[in-house]
């Protein structure tokens, strides 16, 4: 399969998976048409596939790990909400609370789910997201019987690219797109 064929297949799959009305009303610039397919086919490569996949809001979340993490910004609350969206309803957090001990942390992140309390301590890395939050959320989902996993594609620099996939889908993305899902800690450099 050529890169152009793979890009076309991925875009067509996303078109089938994404409710058209909501998605295309929010993003009319990505209306499904042959011109978009031609643009994708002309500029294919690993980053093109990630850009396309990032519009699958039900399975993918991508963002910058340098995210203005600071007291009163509630960045970790947003991370929990995004992760819950990816979980297909398995993670249904309520009472999400992000508490800072001081301007430089540590940060206590907690939420409730089905009467169970989940809490973790996160480090302060200037304005970077502490990647341990992803391990914490994955463990919370698995404690509820979630069978797929949220995989982090690691060759993204300071960005995070999370994909909900089963093992077969993960293997296909690694084989066909060259993505690497070997887990590495996702965090910024520790500040003094």
Protein backbone atom coordinates (compact mmCIF):
# COMPACT_ATOMS: atom_id res chain seq x y z
CA UNK A 1 0.00 0.00 0.00
CA UNK A 2 1.42 3.39 -0.95
CA UNK A 3 1.40 6.35 1.43
CA UNK A 4 -1.29 8.00 -0.69
CA UNK A 5 -3.49 4.90 -0.54
CA UNK A 6 -2.96 4.61 3.22
CA UNK A 7 -3.83 8.29 3.74
CA UNK A 8 -6.95 7.92 1.63
CA UNK A 9 -8.00 4.77 3.50
CA UNK A 10 -7.43 6.44 6.87
CA UNK A 11 -9.41 9.52 5.89
CA UNK A 12 -12.27 7.41 4.54
CA UNK A 13 -12.28 5.37 7.76
CA UNK A 14 -12.41 8.55 9.86
CA UNK A 15 -15.28 9.79 7.71
CA UNK A 16 -17.23 6.62 8.52
CA UNK A 17 -16.40 6.72 12.25
CA UNK A 18 -17.04 10.40 12.98
CA UNK A 19 -20.58 11.75 13.20
CA UNK A 20 -20.58 14.07 10.20
CA UNK A 21 -22.96 16.70 11.46
CA UNK A 22 -21.12 17.58 14.66
CA UNK A 23 -17.63 17.23 13.24
CA UNK A 24 -18.13 19.08 9.99
CA UNK A 25 -20.18 21.85 11.58
CA UNK A 26 -17.27 22.46 13.94
CA UNK A 27 -14.62 22.01 11.22
CA UNK A 28 -16.05 22.91 7.79
CA UNK A 29 -12.52 23.18 6.41
CA UNK A 30 -12.32 19.38 6.65
CA UNK A 31 -15.45 18.52 4.74
CA UNK A 32 -15.04 15.13 3.16
CA UNK A 33 -14.31 15.67 -0.50
CA UNK A 34 -11.96 14.56 -3.24
CA UNK A 35 -9.96 17.80 -3.05
CA UNK A 36 -9.02 17.01 0.54
CA UNK A 37 -8.02 13.50 -0.46
CA UNK A 38 -5.77 14.94 -3.18
CA UNK A 39 -4.15 17.36 -0.70
CA UNK A 40 -3.54 14.49 1.71
CA UNK A 41 -2.13 12.25 -1.02
CA UNK A 42 0.29 14.99 -2.11
CA UNK A 43 1.72 15.54 1.36
CA UNK A 44 1.70 12.15 2.96
CA UNK A 45 4.08 11.11 5.66
CA UNK A 46 3.93 10.20 9.34
CA UNK A 47 2.96 13.73 10.39
CA UNK A 48 0.18 13.85 7.79
CA UNK A 49 -1.33 10.66 9.18
CA UNK A 50 -1.15 12.03 12.73
CA UNK A 51 -2.83 15.24 11.62
CA UNK A 52 -5.63 13.29 9.97
CA UNK A 53 -6.00 10.92 12.90
CA UNK A 54 -6.18 13.82 15.36
CA UNK A 55 -9.62 14.63 13.93
CA UNK A 56 -10.96 11.32 15.20
CA UNK A 57 -12.11 12.89 18.45
CA UNK A 58 -13.48 9.59 19.77
CA UNK A 59 -10.15 7.73 19.56
CA UNK A 60 -7.33 10.29 19.47
CA UNK A 61 -6.15 13.16 21.61
CA UNK A 62 -3.11 15.17 20.68
CA UNK A 63 -1.72 18.19 22.41
CA UNK A 64 1.32 20.00 23.68
CA UNK A 65 2.83 18.76 26.96
CA UNK A 66 4.02 22.30 27.60
CA UNK A 67 0.54 23.41 28.54
CA UNK A 68 0.75 26.35 30.96
CA UNK A 69 0.45 24.01 33.93
CA UNK A 70 0.17 26.27 36.95
CA UNK A 71 -1.98 26.87 39.98
CA UNK A 72 -5.58 27.84 39.11
CA UNK A 73 -5.28 26.83 35.41
CA UNK A 74 -6.85 23.39 36.06
CA UNK A 75 -4.89 21.78 33.22
CA UNK A 76 -5.03 18.35 34.87
CA UNK A 77 -8.82 18.60 35.19
CA UNK A 78 -8.89 19.03 31.40
CA UNK A 79 -6.53 16.07 30.94
CA UNK A 80 -8.88 13.85 32.96
CA UNK A 81 -11.84 15.03 30.88
CA UNK A 82 -9.99 14.33 27.60
CA UNK A 83 -8.92 10.88 28.79
CA UNK A 84 -12.50 10.10 29.83
CA UNK A 85 -13.64 11.00 26.30
CA UNK A 86 -11.17 8.50 24.85
CA UNK A 87 -12.29 5.73 27.21
CA UNK A 88 -15.67 5.09 25.53
CA UNK A 89 -17.46 5.69 28.81
CA UNK A 90 -15.30 3.37 30.89
CA UNK A 91 -13.78 6.32 32.74
CA UNK A 92 -16.62 8.48 34.07
CA UNK A 93 -14.99 10.76 36.61
CA UNK A 94 -16.98 13.06 38.84
CA UNK A 95 -15.80 15.66 41.33
CA UNK A 96 -12.46 16.16 39.55
CA UNK A 97 -10.24 18.28 41.79
CA UNK A 98 -6.75 19.66 41.13
CA UNK A 99 -5.14 21.00 44.32
CA UNK A 100 -1.77 22.75 44.48
CA UNK A 101 0.27 22.70 47.70
CA UNK A 102 2.10 25.82 46.50
CA UNK A 103 2.87 27.68 43.27
CA UNK A 104 5.47 24.98 42.50
CA UNK A 105 3.45 21.93 43.53
CA UNK A 106 3.17 19.20 44.28
CA UNK A 107 -0.25 18.77 42.69
CA UNK A 108 -2.89 16.44 44.06
CA UNK A 109 -5.31 15.23 41.40
CA UNK A 110 -8.40 13.34 42.46
CA UNK A 111 -11.77 12.24 41.18
CA UNK A 112 -14.53 9.82 42.03
CA UNK A 113 -15.91 7.06 39.88
CA UNK A 114 -18.70 4.67 40.84
CA UNK A 115 -18.15 5.53 44.50
CA UNK A 116 -14.42 4.85 44.38
CA UNK A 117 -11.89 7.63 45.03
CA UNK A 118 -8.82 7.92 42.77
CA UNK A 119 -5.96 10.19 43.89
CA UNK A 120 -2.41 10.82 42.73
CA UNK A 121 0.41 13.25 43.46
CA UNK A 122 1.99 14.92 40.44
CA UNK A 123 5.27 16.78 40.25
CA UNK A 124 5.75 20.34 39.05
CA UNK A 125 7.77 20.63 35.84
CA UNK A 126 7.51 24.36 35.17
CA UNK A 127 4.53 24.60 32.81
CA UNK A 128 4.74 21.01 31.52
CA UNK A 129 2.23 18.22 32.13
CA UNK A 130 3.66 15.51 34.38
CA UNK A 131 3.37 12.39 32.22
CA UNK A 132 2.62 10.25 35.26
CA UNK A 133 -0.96 11.49 34.95
CA UNK A 134 -1.41 9.22 31.91
CA UNK A 135 -0.27 6.11 33.82
CA UNK A 136 -2.59 7.06 36.68
CA UNK A 137 -5.58 7.43 34.35
CA UNK A 138 -4.78 4.21 32.50
CA UNK A 139 -4.67 2.33 35.82
CA UNK A 140 -8.01 3.88 36.85
CA UNK A 141 -9.60 2.70 33.59
CA UNK A 142 -8.17 -0.80 33.86
CA UNK A 143 -9.53 -1.08 37.41
CA UNK A 144 -12.97 -0.67 35.82
CA UNK A 145 -12.43 -3.48 33.29
CA UNK A 146 -11.38 -1.41 30.25
CA UNK A 147 -9.99 -3.86 27.69
CA UNK A 148 -8.48 -1.49 25.12
CA UNK A 149 -5.56 0.71 26.05
CA UNK A 150 -4.71 4.32 25.50
CA UNK A 151 -1.35 4.20 23.72
CA UNK A 152 1.10 7.08 23.57
CA UNK A 153 2.90 7.49 20.26
CA UNK A 154 6.32 8.53 21.48
CA UNK A 155 8.07 10.09 18.49
CA UNK A 156 6.30 13.42 18.88
CA UNK A 157 8.78 15.76 20.54
CA UNK A 158 7.01 17.75 23.21
CA UNK A 159 3.55 16.77 22.02
CA UNK A 160 1.43 13.93 23.28
CA UNK A 161 -0.45 11.78 20.79
CA UNK A 162 -2.79 9.35 22.55
CA UNK A 163 -4.71 6.69 20.64
CA UNK A 164 -7.34 4.32 22.01
CA UNK A 165 -6.71 1.00 20.29
CA UNK A 166 -6.75 -2.70 20.89
CA UNK A 167 -3.58 -4.72 20.32
CA UNK A 168 -4.47 -5.57 16.70
CA UNK A 169 -5.10 -1.90 15.82
CA UNK A 170 -1.91 -0.87 17.59
CA UNK A 171 0.12 -3.44 15.64
CA UNK A 172 -1.43 -2.24 12.37
CA UNK A 173 -0.48 1.40 13.08
CA UNK A 174 3.05 0.37 13.98
CA UNK A 175 3.41 -1.77 10.86
CA UNK A 176 1.60 0.40 8.29
CA UNK A 177 2.38 3.89 9.59
CA UNK A 178 5.69 3.32 11.35
CA UNK A 179 4.37 4.70 14.63
CA UNK A 180 6.13 3.65 17.83
CA UNK A 181 4.01 2.99 20.89
CA UNK A 182 6.79 1.90 23.21
CA UNK A 183 5.92 3.66 26.45
CA UNK A 184 8.34 6.26 27.74
CA UNK A 185 7.73 8.75 30.51
CA UNK A 186 6.03 11.82 29.11
CA UNK A 187 7.10 14.87 31.05
CA UNK A 188 9.08 18.06 30.85
CA UNK A 189 12.41 18.72 32.45
CA UNK A 190 12.30 19.10 36.20
CA UNK A 191 12.91 22.62 37.42
CA UNK A 192 14.71 23.53 40.60
